[in-house]
Amino acid sequence: LAIDEGLLYGTLGAARAYSWHTWQDLPNRSKFGNYKIGVVY
């Protein structure tokens, strides 16, 4: 909603995150993740 010179707004959409997760219990190690999708508001 535009009021005078201001704009009050809401937002909603889709997201794509570049993230990684590492699990390590020596001597075992696993890294996983890469690009993941989500919801943003």
ModelCIF file with pLDDT and N, C-alpha, C, O atoms, coordinates in Angstrom:
data_MODEL
#
_entry.id   MODEL 
#
_entity.id                         1 
_entity.type                       polymer 
_entity.pdbx_number_of_molecules   1 
#
_entity_poly.entity_id                      1 
_entity_poly.type                           'polypeptide(L)' 
_entity_poly.nstd_linkage                   no 
_entity_poly.nstd_monomer                   no 
_entity_poly.pdbx_seq_one_letter_code       LAIDEGLLYGTLGAARAYSWHTWQDLPNRSKFGNYKIGVVY 
_entity_poly.pdbx_seq_one_letter_code_can   LAIDEGLLYGTLGAARAYSWHTWQDLPNRSKFGNYKIGVVY 
_entity_poly.pdbx_strand_id                 A 
#
loop_
_entity_poly_seq.entity_id 
_entity_poly_seq.num 
_entity_poly_seq.mon_id 
_entity_poly_seq.hetero 
1 1  LEU n 
1 2  ALA n 
1 3  ILE n 
1 4  ASP n 
1 5  GLU n 
1 6  GLY n 
1 7  LEU n 
1 8  LEU n 
1 9  TYR n 
1 10 GLY n 
1 11 THR n 
1 12 LEU n 
1 13 GLY n 
1 14 ALA n 
1 15 ALA n 
1 16 ARG n 
1 17 ALA n 
1 18 TYR n 
1 19 SER n 
1 20 TRP n 
1 21 HIS n 
1 22 THR n 
1 23 TRP n 
1 24 GLN n 
1 25 ASP n 
1 26 LEU n 
1 27 PRO n 
1 28 ASN n 
1 29 ARG n 
1 30 SER n 
1 31 LYS n 
1 32 PHE n 
1 33 GLY n 
1 34 ASN n 
1 35 TYR n 
1 36 LYS n 
1 37 ILE n 
1 38 GLY n 
1 39 VAL n 
1 40 VAL n 
1 41 TYR n 
#
_struct_asym.id          A 
_struct_asym.entity_id   1 
#
loop_
_ma_qa_metric.id 
_ma_qa_metric.mode 
_ma_qa_metric.name 
_ma_qa_metric.software_group_id 
_ma_qa_metric.type 
1 global pLDDT . pLDDT 
2 local  pLDDT . pLDDT 
#
_ma_qa_metric_global.metric_id      1 
_ma_qa_metric_global.metric_value   83.90 
_ma_qa_metric_global.model_id       1 
_ma_qa_metric_global.ordinal_id     1 
#
loop_
_ma_qa_metric_local.label_asym_id 
_ma_qa_metric_local.label_comp_id 
_ma_qa_metric_local.label_seq_id 
_ma_qa_metric_local.metric_id 
_ma_qa_metric_local.metric_value 
_ma_qa_metric_local.model_id 
_ma_qa_metric_local.ordinal_id 
A LEU 1  2 94.00 1 1  
A ALA 2  2 94.00 1 2  
A ILE 3  2 90.00 1 3  
A ASP 4  2 85.00 1 4  
A GLU 5  2 90.00 1 5  
A GLY 6  2 94.00 1 6  
A LEU 7  2 95.00 1 7  
A LEU 8  2 96.00 1 8  
A TYR 9  2 97.00 1 9  
A GLY 10 2 97.00 1 10 
A THR 11 2 97.00 1 11 
A LEU 12 2 97.00 1 12 
A GLY 13 2 97.00 1 13 
A ALA 14 2 97.00 1 14 
A ALA 15 2 95.00 1 15 
A ARG 16 2 92.00 1 16 
A ALA 17 2 89.00 1 17 
A TYR 18 2 87.00 1 18 
A SER 19 2 80.00 1 19 
A TRP 20 2 73.00 1 20 
A HIS 21 2 74.00 1 21 
A THR 22 2 76.00 1 22 
A TRP 23 2 70.00 1 23 
A GLN 24 2 72.00 1 24 
A ASP 25 2 68.00 1 25 
A LEU 26 2 63.00 1 26 
A PRO 27 2 66.00 1 27 
A ASN 28 2 66.00 1 28 
A ARG 29 2 65.00 1 29 
A SER 30 2 69.00 1 30 
A LYS 31 2 69.00 1 31 
A PHE 32 2 68.00 1 32 
A GLY 33 2 68.00 1 33 
A ASN 34 2 73.00 1 34 
A TYR 35 2 82.00 1 35 
A LYS 36 2 84.00 1 36 
A ILE 37 2 90.00 1 37 
A GLY 38 2 93.00 1 38 
A VAL 39 2 96.00 1 39 
A VAL 40 2 96.00 1 40 
A TYR 41 2 96.00 1 41 
#
loop_
_atom_site.group_PDB 
_atom_site.id 
_atom_site.type_symbol 
_atom_site.label_atom_id 
_atom_site.label_alt_id 
_atom_site.label_comp_id 
_atom_site.label_asym_id 
_atom_site.label_entity_id 
_atom_site.label_seq_id 
_atom_site.pdbx_PDB_ins_code 
_atom_site.Cartn_x 
_atom_site.Cartn_y 
_atom_site.Cartn_z 
_atom_site.occupancy 
_atom_site.B_iso_or_equiv 
_atom_site.pdbx_formal_charge 
_atom_site.auth_seq_id 
_atom_site.auth_comp_id 
_atom_site.auth_asym_id 
_atom_site.auth_atom_id 
_atom_site.pdbx_PDB_model_num 
ATOM 1   N N  . LEU A 1 1  ? 0.845  -1.185  0.000  1.00 94.00 ? 1  LEU A N  1 
ATOM 2   C CA . LEU A 1 1  ? 0.000  0.000   0.000  1.00 94.00 ? 1  LEU A CA 1 
ATOM 3   C C  . LEU A 1 1  ? 0.886  1.243   0.000  1.00 94.00 ? 1  LEU A C  1 
ATOM 4   O O  . LEU A 1 1  ? 1.733  1.417   0.876  1.00 94.00 ? 1  LEU A O  1 
ATOM 5   N N  . ALA A 1 2  ? 0.677  2.106   -1.000 1.00 94.00 ? 2  ALA A N  1 
ATOM 6   C CA . ALA A 1 2  ? 1.432  3.355   -1.105 1.00 94.00 ? 2  ALA A CA 1 
ATOM 7   C C  . ALA A 1 2  ? 0.737  4.430   -0.284 1.00 94.00 ? 2  ALA A C  1 
ATOM 8   O O  . ALA A 1 2  ? -0.450 4.695   -0.474 1.00 94.00 ? 2  ALA A O  1 
ATOM 9   N N  . ILE A 1 3  ? 1.481  5.050   0.632  1.00 90.00 ? 3  ILE A N  1 
ATOM 10  C CA . ILE A 1 3  ? 0.972  6.122   1.477  1.00 90.00 ? 3  ILE A CA 1 
ATOM 11  C C  . ILE A 1 3  ? 1.965  7.271   1.419  1.00 90.00 ? 3  ILE A C  1 
ATOM 12  O O  . ILE A 1 3  ? 3.102  7.136   1.871  1.00 90.00 ? 3  ILE A O  1 
ATOM 13  N N  . ASP A 1 4  ? 1.546  8.388   0.870  1.00 85.00 ? 4  ASP A N  1 
ATOM 14  C CA . ASP A 1 4  ? 2.449  9.519   0.645  1.00 85.00 ? 4  ASP A CA 1 
ATOM 15  C C  . ASP A 1 4  ? 3.663  9.047   -0.150 1.00 85.00 ? 4  ASP A C  1 
ATOM 16  O O  . ASP A 1 4  ? 3.515  8.503   -1.245 1.00 85.00 ? 4  ASP A O  1 
ATOM 17  N N  . GLU A 1 5  ? 4.863  9.253   0.394  1.00 90.00 ? 5  GLU A N  1 
ATOM 18  C CA . GLU A 1 5  ? 6.089  8.835   -0.287 1.00 90.00 ? 5  GLU A CA 1 
ATOM 19  C C  . GLU A 1 5  ? 6.589  7.492   0.219  1.00 90.00 ? 5  GLU A C  1 
ATOM 20  O O  . GLU A 1 5  ? 7.725  7.112   -0.061 1.00 90.00 ? 5  GLU A O  1 
ATOM 21  N N  . GLY A 1 6  ? 5.764  6.771   0.955  1.00 94.00 ? 6  GLY A N  1 
ATOM 22  C CA . GLY A 1 6  ? 6.170  5.491   1.509  1.00 94.00 ? 6  GLY A CA 1 
ATOM 23  C C  . GLY A 1 6  ? 5.403  4.328   0.913  1.00 94.00 ? 6  GLY A C  1 
ATOM 24  O O  . GLY A 1 6  ? 4.339  4.504   0.320  1.00 94.00 ? 6  GLY A O  1 
ATOM 25  N N  . LEU A 1 7  ? 5.964  3.127   1.081  1.00 95.00 ? 7  LEU A N  1 
ATOM 26  C CA . LEU A 1 7  ? 5.339  1.897   0.595  1.00 95.00 ? 7  LEU A CA 1 
ATOM 27  C C  . LEU A 1 7  ? 5.465  0.845   1.680  1.00 95.00 ? 7  LEU A C  1 
ATOM 28  O O  . LEU A 1 7  ? 6.569  0.422   2.021  1.00 95.00 ? 7  LEU A O  1 
ATOM 29  N N  . LEU A 1 8  ? 4.333  0.425   2.219  1.00 96.00 ? 8  LEU A N  1 
ATOM 30  C CA . LEU A 1 8  ? 4.282  -0.659  3.204  1.00 96.00 ? 8  LEU A CA 1 
ATOM 31  C C  . LEU A 1 8  ? 3.905  -1.933  2.463  1.00 96.00 ? 8  LEU A C  1 
ATOM 32  O O  . LEU A 1 8  ? 2.871  -1.974  1.796  1.00 96.00 ? 8  LEU A O  1 
ATOM 33  N N  . TYR A 1 9  ? 4.733  -2.984  2.569  1.00 97.00 ? 9  TYR A N  1 
ATOM 34  C CA . TYR A 1 9  ? 4.509  -4.150  1.722  1.00 97.00 ? 9  TYR A CA 1 
ATOM 35  C C  . TYR A 1 9  ? 4.781  -5.465  2.458  1.00 97.00 ? 9  TYR A C  1 
ATOM 36  O O  . TYR A 1 9  ? 5.505  -5.518  3.452  1.00 97.00 ? 9  TYR A O  1 
ATOM 37  N N  . GLY A 1 10 ? 4.174  -6.505  1.929  1.00 97.00 ? 10 GLY A N  1 
ATOM 38  C CA . GLY A 1 10 ? 4.481  -7.878  2.294  1.00 97.00 ? 10 GLY A CA 1 
ATOM 39  C C  . GLY A 1 10 ? 5.120  -8.574  1.112  1.00 97.00 ? 10 GLY A C  1 
ATOM 40  O O  . GLY A 1 10 ? 5.021  -8.099  -0.019 1.00 97.00 ? 10 GLY A O  1 
ATOM 41  N N  . THR A 1 11 ? 5.775  -9.701  1.364  1.00 97.00 ? 11 THR A N  1 
ATOM 42  C CA . THR A 1 11 ? 6.464  -10.393 0.284  1.00 97.00 ? 11 THR A CA 1 
ATOM 43  C C  . THR A 1 11 ? 6.376  -11.902 0.499  1.00 97.00 ? 11 THR A C  1 
ATOM 44  O O  . THR A 1 11 ? 6.378  -12.383 1.632  1.00 97.00 ? 11 THR A O  1 
ATOM 45  N N  . LEU A 1 12 ? 6.299  -12.637 -0.607 1.00 97.00 ? 12 LEU A N  1 
ATOM 46  C CA . LEU A 1 12 ? 6.166  -14.092 -0.562 1.00 97.00 ? 12 LEU A CA 1 
ATOM 47  C C  . LEU A 1 12 ? 6.741  -14.670 -1.848 1.00 97.00 ? 12 LEU A C  1 
ATOM 48  O O  . LEU A 1 12 ? 6.495  -14.150 -2.937 1.00 97.00 ? 12 LEU A O  1 
ATOM 49  N N  . GLY A 1 13 ? 7.510  -15.752 -1.715 1.00 97.00 ? 13 GLY A N  1 
ATOM 50  C CA . GLY A 1 13 ? 8.071  -16.347 -2.918 1.00 97.00 ? 13 GLY A CA 1 
ATOM 51  C C  . GLY A 1 13 ? 8.884  -17.596 -2.652 1.00 97.00 ? 13 GLY A C  1 
ATOM 52  O O  . GLY A 1 13 ? 8.713  -18.261 -1.631 1.00 97.00 ? 13 GLY A O  1 
ATOM 53  N N  . ALA A 1 14 ? 9.776  -17.907 -3.589 1.00 97.00 ? 14 ALA A N  1 
ATOM 54  C CA . ALA A 1 14 ? 10.605 -19.108 -3.527 1.00 97.00 ? 14 ALA A CA 1 
ATOM 55  C C  . ALA A 1 14 ? 12.063 -18.713 -3.335 1.00 97.00 ? 14 ALA A C  1 
ATOM 56  O O  . ALA A 1 14 ? 12.487 -17.630 -3.738 1.00 97.00 ? 14 ALA A O  1 
ATOM 57  N N  . ALA A 1 15 ? 12.826 -19.615 -2.708 1.00 95.00 ? 15 ALA A N  1 
ATOM 58  C CA . ALA A 1 15 ? 14.238 -19.357 -2.425 1.00 95.00 ? 15 ALA A CA 1 
ATOM 59  C C  . ALA A 1 15 ? 15.084 -20.541 -2.876 1.00 95.00 ? 15 ALA A C  1 
ATOM 60  O O  . ALA A 1 15 ? 14.621 -21.679 -2.951 1.00 95.00 ? 15 ALA A O  1 
ATOM 61  N N  . ARG A 1 16 ? 16.346 -20.226 -3.174 1.00 92.00 ? 16 ARG A N  1 
ATOM 62  C CA . ARG A 1 16 ? 17.325 -21.266 -3.492 1.00 92.00 ? 16 ARG A CA 1 
ATOM 63  C C  . ARG A 1 16 ? 18.606 -20.960 -2.721 1.00 92.00 ? 16 ARG A C  1 
ATOM 64  O O  . ARG A 1 16 ? 19.268 -19.954 -2.974 1.00 92.00 ? 16 ARG A O  1 
ATOM 65  N N  . ALA A 1 17 ? 18.946 -21.829 -1.785 1.00 89.00 ? 17 ALA A N  1 
ATOM 66  C CA . ALA A 1 17 ? 20.101 -21.607 -0.912 1.00 89.00 ? 17 ALA A CA 1 
ATOM 67  C C  . ALA A 1 17 ? 21.259 -22.497 -1.347 1.00 89.00 ? 17 ALA A C  1 
ATOM 68  O O  . ALA A 1 17 ? 21.067 -23.642 -1.756 1.00 89.00 ? 17 ALA A O  1 
ATOM 69  N N  . TYR A 1 18 ? 22.464 -21.941 -1.249 1.00 87.00 ? 18 TYR A N  1 
ATOM 70  C CA . TYR A 1 18 ? 23.684 -22.712 -1.483 1.00 87.00 ? 18 TYR A CA 1 
ATOM 71  C C  . TYR A 1 18 ? 24.296 -22.980 -0.115 1.00 87.00 ? 18 TYR A C  1 
ATOM 72  O O  . TYR A 1 18 ? 24.966 -22.117 0.452  1.00 87.00 ? 18 TYR A O  1 
ATOM 73  N N  . SER A 1 19 ? 24.063 -24.175 0.413  1.00 80.00 ? 19 SER A N  1 
ATOM 74  C CA . SER A 1 19 ? 24.497 -24.486 1.780  1.00 80.00 ? 19 SER A CA 1 
ATOM 75  C C  . SER A 1 19 ? 25.043 -25.904 1.844  1.00 80.00 ? 19 SER A C  1 
ATOM 76  O O  . SER A 1 19 ? 24.724 -26.761 1.019  1.00 80.00 ? 19 SER A O  1 
ATOM 77  N N  . TRP A 1 20 ? 25.892 -26.120 2.873  1.00 73.00 ? 20 TRP A N  1 
ATOM 78  C CA . TRP A 1 20 ? 26.530 -27.425 3.067  1.00 73.00 ? 20 TRP A CA 1 
ATOM 79  C C  . TRP A 1 20 ? 26.427 -27.840 4.526  1.00 73.00 ? 20 TRP A C  1 
ATOM 80  O O  . TRP A 1 20 ? 26.357 -27.002 5.425  1.00 73.00 ? 20 TRP A O  1 
ATOM 81  N N  . HIS A 1 21 ? 26.419 -29.163 4.741  1.00 74.00 ? 21 HIS A N  1 
ATOM 82  C CA . HIS A 1 21 ? 26.426 -29.726 6.088  1.00 74.00 ? 21 HIS A CA 1 
ATOM 83  C C  . HIS A 1 21 ? 27.486 -30.821 6.146  1.00 74.00 ? 21 HIS A C  1 
ATOM 84  O O  . HIS A 1 21 ? 27.610 -31.635 5.231  1.00 74.00 ? 21 HIS A O  1 
ATOM 85  N N  . THR A 1 22 ? 28.250 -30.825 7.240  1.00 76.00 ? 22 THR A N  1 
ATOM 86  C CA . THR A 1 22 ? 29.305 -31.820 7.413  1.00 76.00 ? 22 THR A CA 1 
ATOM 87  C C  . THR A 1 22 ? 29.081 -32.583 8.716  1.00 76.00 ? 22 THR A C  1 
ATOM 88  O O  . THR A 1 22 ? 28.920 -31.987 9.781  1.00 76.00 ? 22 THR A O  1 
ATOM 89  N N  . TRP A 1 23 ? 29.073 -33.892 8.614  1.00 70.00 ? 23 TRP A N  1 
ATOM 90  C CA . TRP A 1 23 ? 28.931 -34.812 9.742  1.00 70.00 ? 23 TRP A CA 1 
ATOM 91  C C  . TRP A 1 23 ? 30.250 -35.554 9.873  1.00 70.00 ? 23 TRP A C  1 
ATOM 92  O O  . TRP A 1 23 ? 30.715 -36.150 8.900  1.00 70.00 ? 23 TRP A O  1 
ATOM 93  N N  . GLN A 1 24 ? 30.875 -35.534 11.065 1.00 72.00 ? 24 GLN A N  1 
ATOM 94  C CA . GLN A 1 24 ? 32.179 -36.180 11.222 1.00 72.00 ? 24 GLN A CA 1 
ATOM 95  C C  . GLN A 1 24 ? 32.266 -36.878 12.573 1.00 72.00 ? 24 GLN A C  1 
ATOM 96  O O  . GLN A 1 24 ? 32.155 -36.252 13.627 1.00 72.00 ? 24 GLN A O  1 
ATOM 97  N N  . ASP A 1 25 ? 32.467 -38.181 12.514 1.00 68.00 ? 25 ASP A N  1 
ATOM 98  C CA . ASP A 1 25 ? 32.725 -39.005 13.693 1.00 68.00 ? 25 ASP A CA 1 
ATOM 99  C C  . ASP A 1 25 ? 33.906 -39.889 13.304 1.00 68.00 ? 25 ASP A C  1 
ATOM 100 O O  . ASP A 1 25 ? 33.738 -40.994 12.789 1.00 68.00 ? 25 ASP A O  1 
ATOM 101 N N  . LEU A 1 26 ? 35.110 -39.370 13.566 1.00 63.00 ? 26 LEU A N  1 
ATOM 102 C CA . LEU A 1 26 ? 36.336 -39.981 13.041 1.00 63.00 ? 26 LEU A CA 1 
ATOM 103 C C  . LEU A 1 26 ? 36.366 -41.480 13.289 1.00 63.00 ? 26 LEU A C  1 
ATOM 104 O O  . LEU A 1 26 ? 36.015 -41.955 14.369 1.00 63.00 ? 26 LEU A O  1 
ATOM 105 N N  . PRO A 1 27 ? 36.798 -42.223 12.253 1.00 66.00 ? 27 PRO A N  1 
ATOM 106 C CA . PRO A 1 27 ? 37.390 -41.766 10.985 1.00 66.00 ? 27 PRO A CA 1 
ATOM 107 C C  . PRO A 1 27 ? 36.364 -41.509 9.876  1.00 66.00 ? 27 PRO A C  1 
ATOM 108 O O  . PRO A 1 27 ? 36.752 -41.328 8.722  1.00 66.00 ? 27 PRO A O  1 
ATOM 109 N N  . ASN A 1 28 ? 35.089 -41.488 10.192 1.00 66.00 ? 28 ASN A N  1 
ATOM 110 C CA . ASN A 1 28 ? 34.066 -41.321 9.164  1.00 66.00 ? 28 ASN A CA 1 
ATOM 111 C C  . ASN A 1 28 ? 33.688 -39.848 9.017  1.00 66.00 ? 28 ASN A C  1 
ATOM 112 O O  . ASN A 1 28 ? 33.621 -39.105 9.996  1.00 66.00 ? 28 ASN A O  1 
ATOM 113 N N  . ARG A 1 29 ? 33.444 -39.449 7.770  1.00 65.00 ? 29 ARG A N  1 
ATOM 114 C CA . ARG A 1 29 ? 33.098 -38.056 7.474  1.00 65.00 ? 29 ARG A CA 1 
ATOM 115 C C  . ARG A 1 29 ? 32.173 -38.011 6.267  1.00 65.00 ? 29 ARG A C  1 
ATOM 116 O O  . ARG A 1 29 ? 32.389 -38.728 5.290  1.00 65.00 ? 29 ARG A O  1 
ATOM 117 N N  . SER A 1 30 ? 31.141 -37.169 6.331  1.00 69.00 ? 30 SER A N  1 
ATOM 118 C CA . SER A 1 30 ? 30.199 -37.030 5.219  1.00 69.00 ? 30 SER A CA 1 
ATOM 119 C C  . SER A 1 30 ? 29.839 -35.556 5.062  1.00 69.00 ? 30 SER A C  1 
ATOM 120 O O  . SER A 1 30 ? 29.509 -34.881 6.037  1.00 69.00 ? 30 SER A O  1 
ATOM 121 N N  . LYS A 1 31 ? 29.907 -35.067 3.832  1.00 69.00 ? 31 LYS A N  1 
ATOM 122 C CA . LYS A 1 31 ? 29.547 -33.688 3.516  1.00 69.00 ? 31 LYS A CA 1 
ATOM 123 C C  . LYS A 1 31 ? 28.448 -33.707 2.465  1.00 69.00 ? 31 LYS A C  1 
ATOM 124 O O  . LYS A 1 31 ? 28.589 -34.365 1.434  1.00 69.00 ? 31 LYS A O  1 
ATOM 125 N N  . PHE A 1 32 ? 27.359 -32.997 2.712  1.00 68.00 ? 32 PHE A N  1 
ATOM 126 C CA . PHE A 1 32 ? 26.245 -33.021 1.785  1.00 68.00 ? 32 PHE A CA 1 
ATOM 127 C C  . PHE A 1 32 ? 25.532 -31.674 1.804  1.00 68.00 ? 32 PHE A C  1 
ATOM 128 O O  . PHE A 1 32 ? 25.720 -30.867 2.713  1.00 68.00 ? 32 PHE A O  1 
ATOM 129 N N  . GLY A 1 33 ? 24.709 -31.449 0.783  1.00 68.00 ? 33 GLY A N  1 
ATOM 130 C CA . GLY A 1 33 ? 23.974 -30.185 0.689  1.00 68.00 ? 33 GLY A CA 1 
ATOM 131 C C  . GLY A 1 33 ? 23.892 -29.696 -0.741 1.00 68.00 ? 33 GLY A C  1 
ATOM 132 O O  . GLY A 1 33 ? 23.126 -30.218 -1.550 1.00 68.00 ? 33 GLY A O  1 
ATOM 133 N N  . ASN A 1 34 ? 24.707 -28.667 -1.048 1.00 73.00 ? 34 ASN A N  1 
ATOM 134 C CA . ASN A 1 34 ? 24.695 -27.997 -2.343 1.00 73.00 ? 34 ASN A CA 1 
ATOM 135 C C  . ASN A 1 34 ? 23.464 -27.094 -2.437 1.00 73.00 ? 34 ASN A C  1 
ATOM 136 O O  . ASN A 1 34 ? 23.110 -26.458 -1.444 1.00 73.00 ? 34 ASN A O  1 
ATOM 137 N N  . TYR A 1 35 ? 22.803 -27.014 -3.591 1.00 82.00 ? 35 TYR A N  1 
ATOM 138 C CA . TYR A 1 35 ? 21.666 -26.113 -3.774 1.00 82.00 ? 35 TYR A CA 1 
ATOM 139 C C  . TYR A 1 35 ? 20.378 -26.755 -3.249 1.00 82.00 ? 35 TYR A C  1 
ATOM 140 O O  . TYR A 1 35 ? 20.064 -27.902 -3.567 1.00 82.00 ? 35 TYR A O  1 
ATOM 141 N N  . LYS A 1 36 ? 19.637 -25.984 -2.433 1.00 84.00 ? 36 LYS A N  1 
ATOM 142 C CA . LYS A 1 36 ? 18.381 -26.469 -1.867 1.00 84.00 ? 36 LYS A CA 1 
ATOM 143 C C  . LYS A 1 36 ? 17.330 -25.370 -2.005 1.00 84.00 ? 36 LYS A C  1 
ATOM 144 O O  . LYS A 1 36 ? 17.647 -24.182 -1.949 1.00 84.00 ? 36 LYS A O  1 
ATOM 145 N N  . ILE A 1 37 ? 16.078 -25.782 -2.184 1.00 90.00 ? 37 ILE A N  1 
ATOM 146 C CA . ILE A 1 37 ? 15.007 -24.821 -2.398 1.00 90.00 ? 37 ILE A CA 1 
ATOM 147 C C  . ILE A 1 37 ? 14.188 -24.651 -1.121 1.00 90.00 ? 37 ILE A C  1 
ATOM 148 O O  . ILE A 1 37 ? 14.253 -25.473 -0.207 1.00 90.00 ? 37 ILE A O  1 
ATOM 149 N N  . GLY A 1 38 ? 13.417 -23.564 -1.080 1.00 93.00 ? 38 GLY A N  1 
ATOM 150 C CA . GLY A 1 38 ? 12.594 -23.292 0.081  1.00 93.00 ? 38 GLY A CA 1 
ATOM 151 C C  . GLY A 1 38 ? 11.571 -22.209 -0.196 1.00 93.00 ? 38 GLY A C  1 
ATOM 152 O O  . GLY A 1 38 ? 11.368 -21.802 -1.340 1.00 93.00 ? 38 GLY A O  1 
ATOM 153 N N  . VAL A 1 39 ? 10.931 -21.749 0.867  1.00 96.00 ? 39 VAL A N  1 
ATOM 154 C CA . VAL A 1 39 ? 9.895  -20.724 0.803  1.00 96.00 ? 39 VAL A CA 1 
ATOM 155 C C  . VAL A 1 39 ? 10.366 -19.506 1.591  1.00 96.00 ? 39 VAL A C  1 
ATOM 156 O O  . VAL A 1 39 ? 10.945 -19.645 2.668  1.00 96.00 ? 39 VAL A O  1 
ATOM 157 N N  . VAL A 1 40 ? 10.115 -18.306 1.052  1.00 96.00 ? 40 VAL A N  1 
ATOM 158 C CA . VAL A 1 40 ? 10.523 -17.067 1.693  1.00 96.00 ? 40 VAL A CA 1 
ATOM 159 C C  . VAL A 1 40 ? 9.309  -16.164 1.862  1.00 96.00 ? 40 VAL A C  1 
ATOM 160 O O  . VAL A 1 40 ? 8.446  -16.101 0.987  1.00 96.00 ? 40 VAL A O  1 
ATOM 161 N N  . TYR A 1 41 ? 9.248  -15.462 2.999  1.00 96.00 ? 41 TYR A N  1 
ATOM 162 C CA . TYR A 1 41 ? 8.138  -14.551 3.270  1.00 96.00 ? 41 TYR A CA 1 
ATOM 163 C C  . TYR A 1 41 ? 8.616  -13.468 4.240  1.00 96.00 ? 41 TYR A C  1 
ATOM 164 O O  . TYR A 1 41 ? 7.842  -12.586 4.611  1.00 96.00 ? 41 TYR A O  1 
#
